[in-house]
N, C-alpha and C. Protein backbone atom coordinates (compact mmCIF):
# COMPACT_ATOMS: atom_id res chain seq x y z
N MET A 1 57.96 326.76 269.89
CA MET A 1 58.82 325.58 269.94
C MET A 1 60.27 326.04 269.81
N SER A 2 61.11 325.61 270.72
CA SER A 2 62.51 325.99 270.66
C SER A 2 63.30 324.97 269.85
N HIS A 3 64.55 325.29 269.56
CA HIS A 3 65.36 324.38 268.75
C HIS A 3 65.74 323.11 269.51
N SER A 4 65.70 323.16 270.84
CA SER A 4 66.09 321.98 271.60
C SER A 4 64.99 320.92 271.62
N GLU A 5 63.75 321.32 271.34
CA GLU A 5 62.65 320.35 271.35
C GLU A 5 62.54 319.66 270.00
N PRO A 6 62.42 318.32 269.99
CA PRO A 6 62.21 317.63 268.71
C PRO A 6 60.81 317.90 268.17
N ARG A 7 60.69 317.87 266.86
CA ARG A 7 59.37 318.04 266.26
C ARG A 7 58.54 316.80 266.50
N GLN A 8 57.22 316.97 266.47
CA GLN A 8 56.35 315.85 266.79
C GLN A 8 56.39 314.76 265.74
N ASP A 9 56.69 315.11 264.48
CA ASP A 9 56.77 314.08 263.44
C ASP A 9 58.14 313.40 263.42
N GLY A 10 59.04 313.83 264.30
CA GLY A 10 60.34 313.17 264.40
C GLY A 10 61.36 313.67 263.39
N GLY A 11 60.99 314.56 262.47
CA GLY A 11 61.92 315.05 261.46
C GLY A 11 62.71 316.23 261.95
N GLU A 12 63.69 316.59 261.19
CA GLU A 12 64.49 317.76 261.50
C GLU A 12 64.16 318.86 260.50
N ASP A 13 64.46 320.09 260.89
CA ASP A 13 64.27 321.22 259.97
C ASP A 13 65.41 321.22 258.98
N GLU A 14 65.19 320.65 257.79
CA GLU A 14 66.23 320.60 256.77
C GLU A 14 65.77 321.38 255.56
N ARG A 15 66.75 321.92 254.86
CA ARG A 15 66.47 322.62 253.61
C ARG A 15 66.29 321.57 252.52
N VAL A 16 65.24 321.72 251.72
CA VAL A 16 64.97 320.76 250.65
C VAL A 16 65.98 321.00 249.52
N PRO A 17 66.67 319.95 249.07
CA PRO A 17 67.66 320.13 248.00
C PRO A 17 67.03 320.65 246.71
N PHE A 18 67.84 321.37 245.92
CA PHE A 18 67.35 322.00 244.69
C PHE A 18 66.77 320.98 243.72
N MET A 19 67.49 319.86 243.50
CA MET A 19 67.02 318.87 242.53
C MET A 19 65.70 318.24 242.97
N GLN A 20 65.52 318.06 244.27
CA GLN A 20 64.25 317.50 244.75
C GLN A 20 63.12 318.49 244.51
N ARG A 21 63.36 319.77 244.75
CA ARG A 21 62.34 320.77 244.48
C ARG A 21 62.02 320.82 242.99
N LEU A 22 63.05 320.69 242.14
CA LEU A 22 62.86 320.71 240.69
C LEU A 22 62.01 319.51 240.24
N LEU A 23 62.37 318.32 240.73
CA LEU A 23 61.68 317.11 240.29
C LEU A 23 60.30 316.96 240.91
N ASP A 24 60.00 317.71 241.97
CA ASP A 24 58.67 317.66 242.59
C ASP A 24 57.69 318.61 241.93
N ASN A 25 58.13 319.43 240.98
CA ASN A 25 57.26 320.42 240.35
C ASN A 25 56.89 319.95 238.94
N PRO A 26 55.67 319.40 238.76
CA PRO A 26 55.32 318.85 237.45
C PRO A 26 55.20 319.91 236.36
N PHE A 27 54.79 321.12 236.69
CA PHE A 27 54.65 322.16 235.66
C PHE A 27 56.02 322.62 235.17
N LEU A 28 56.98 322.69 236.07
CA LEU A 28 58.33 323.05 235.65
C LEU A 28 58.93 321.95 234.79
N LEU A 29 58.68 320.69 235.14
CA LEU A 29 59.16 319.58 234.32
C LEU A 29 58.52 319.60 232.94
N LEU A 30 57.23 319.92 232.87
CA LEU A 30 56.55 320.02 231.59
C LEU A 30 57.16 321.13 230.75
N PHE A 31 57.40 322.28 231.37
CA PHE A 31 58.00 323.41 230.66
C PHE A 31 59.39 323.05 230.13
N ILE A 32 60.21 322.44 230.97
CA ILE A 32 61.56 322.04 230.54
C ILE A 32 61.49 320.99 229.44
N GLY A 33 60.55 320.03 229.58
CA GLY A 33 60.43 318.96 228.59
C GLY A 33 59.96 319.44 227.23
N VAL A 34 59.27 320.57 227.18
CA VAL A 34 58.83 321.13 225.89
C VAL A 34 59.88 322.10 225.35
N THR A 35 60.46 322.89 226.23
CA THR A 35 61.38 323.95 225.81
C THR A 35 62.72 323.41 225.30
N VAL A 36 63.32 322.47 226.02
CA VAL A 36 64.65 321.98 225.65
C VAL A 36 64.64 321.33 224.26
N PRO A 37 63.72 320.39 223.94
CA PRO A 37 63.72 319.85 222.58
C PRO A 37 63.43 320.91 221.52
N THR A 38 62.55 321.85 221.82
CA THR A 38 62.23 322.91 220.86
C THR A 38 63.47 323.73 220.53
N VAL A 39 64.22 324.11 221.54
CA VAL A 39 65.43 324.90 221.31
C VAL A 39 66.45 324.10 220.50
N PHE A 40 66.62 322.80 220.82
CA PHE A 40 67.57 321.99 220.07
C PHE A 40 67.15 321.81 218.62
N TYR A 41 65.84 321.60 218.37
CA TYR A 41 65.38 321.46 216.98
C TYR A 41 65.54 322.76 216.21
N ILE A 42 65.32 323.89 216.84
CA ILE A 42 65.52 325.18 216.16
C ILE A 42 67.00 325.36 215.81
N ILE A 43 67.88 325.07 216.76
CA ILE A 43 69.32 325.20 216.49
C ILE A 43 69.74 324.24 215.39
N TRP A 44 69.24 323.01 215.44
CA TRP A 44 69.56 322.01 214.42
C TRP A 44 69.07 322.48 213.04
N GLY A 45 67.86 323.02 212.98
CA GLY A 45 67.32 323.52 211.71
C GLY A 45 68.12 324.68 211.15
N VAL A 46 68.53 325.59 212.01
CA VAL A 46 69.34 326.73 211.55
C VAL A 46 70.68 326.24 211.02
N MET A 47 71.28 325.26 211.69
CA MET A 47 72.55 324.71 211.20
C MET A 47 72.37 324.02 209.86
N GLU A 48 71.29 323.29 209.68
CA GLU A 48 71.03 322.61 208.39
C GLU A 48 70.81 323.62 207.27
N ILE A 49 70.05 324.68 207.55
CA ILE A 49 69.80 325.70 206.54
C ILE A 49 71.09 326.43 206.18
N ALA A 50 71.95 326.65 207.19
CA ALA A 50 73.21 327.35 206.94
C ALA A 50 74.16 326.52 206.06
N GLN A 51 73.99 325.20 206.04
CA GLN A 51 74.88 324.36 205.25
C GLN A 51 74.42 324.20 203.81
N ILE A 52 73.25 324.66 203.45
CA ILE A 52 72.77 324.55 202.08
C ILE A 52 73.59 325.50 201.20
N PRO A 53 74.18 325.01 200.14
CA PRO A 53 74.99 325.89 199.29
C PRO A 53 74.09 326.91 198.55
N ILE A 54 74.68 328.07 198.32
CA ILE A 54 73.94 329.11 197.61
C ILE A 54 73.87 328.73 196.12
N ALA A 55 72.68 328.90 195.54
CA ALA A 55 72.49 328.54 194.12
C ALA A 55 73.27 329.51 193.24
N PRO A 56 73.86 328.99 192.16
CA PRO A 56 74.64 329.87 191.26
C PRO A 56 73.74 330.79 190.44
């Protein structure tokens, strides 16, 4: 098939945008949904522990 011929489904050869590829992948969304809150809670916990005054 040459470039001058239209595809049979009527679509064009387009590159799929990055965000669409990201949102179409359920395992990647699951990984991001577990990892991002975990990292934030760890950082939050470290900041809270760092603010505890040292006992005399």
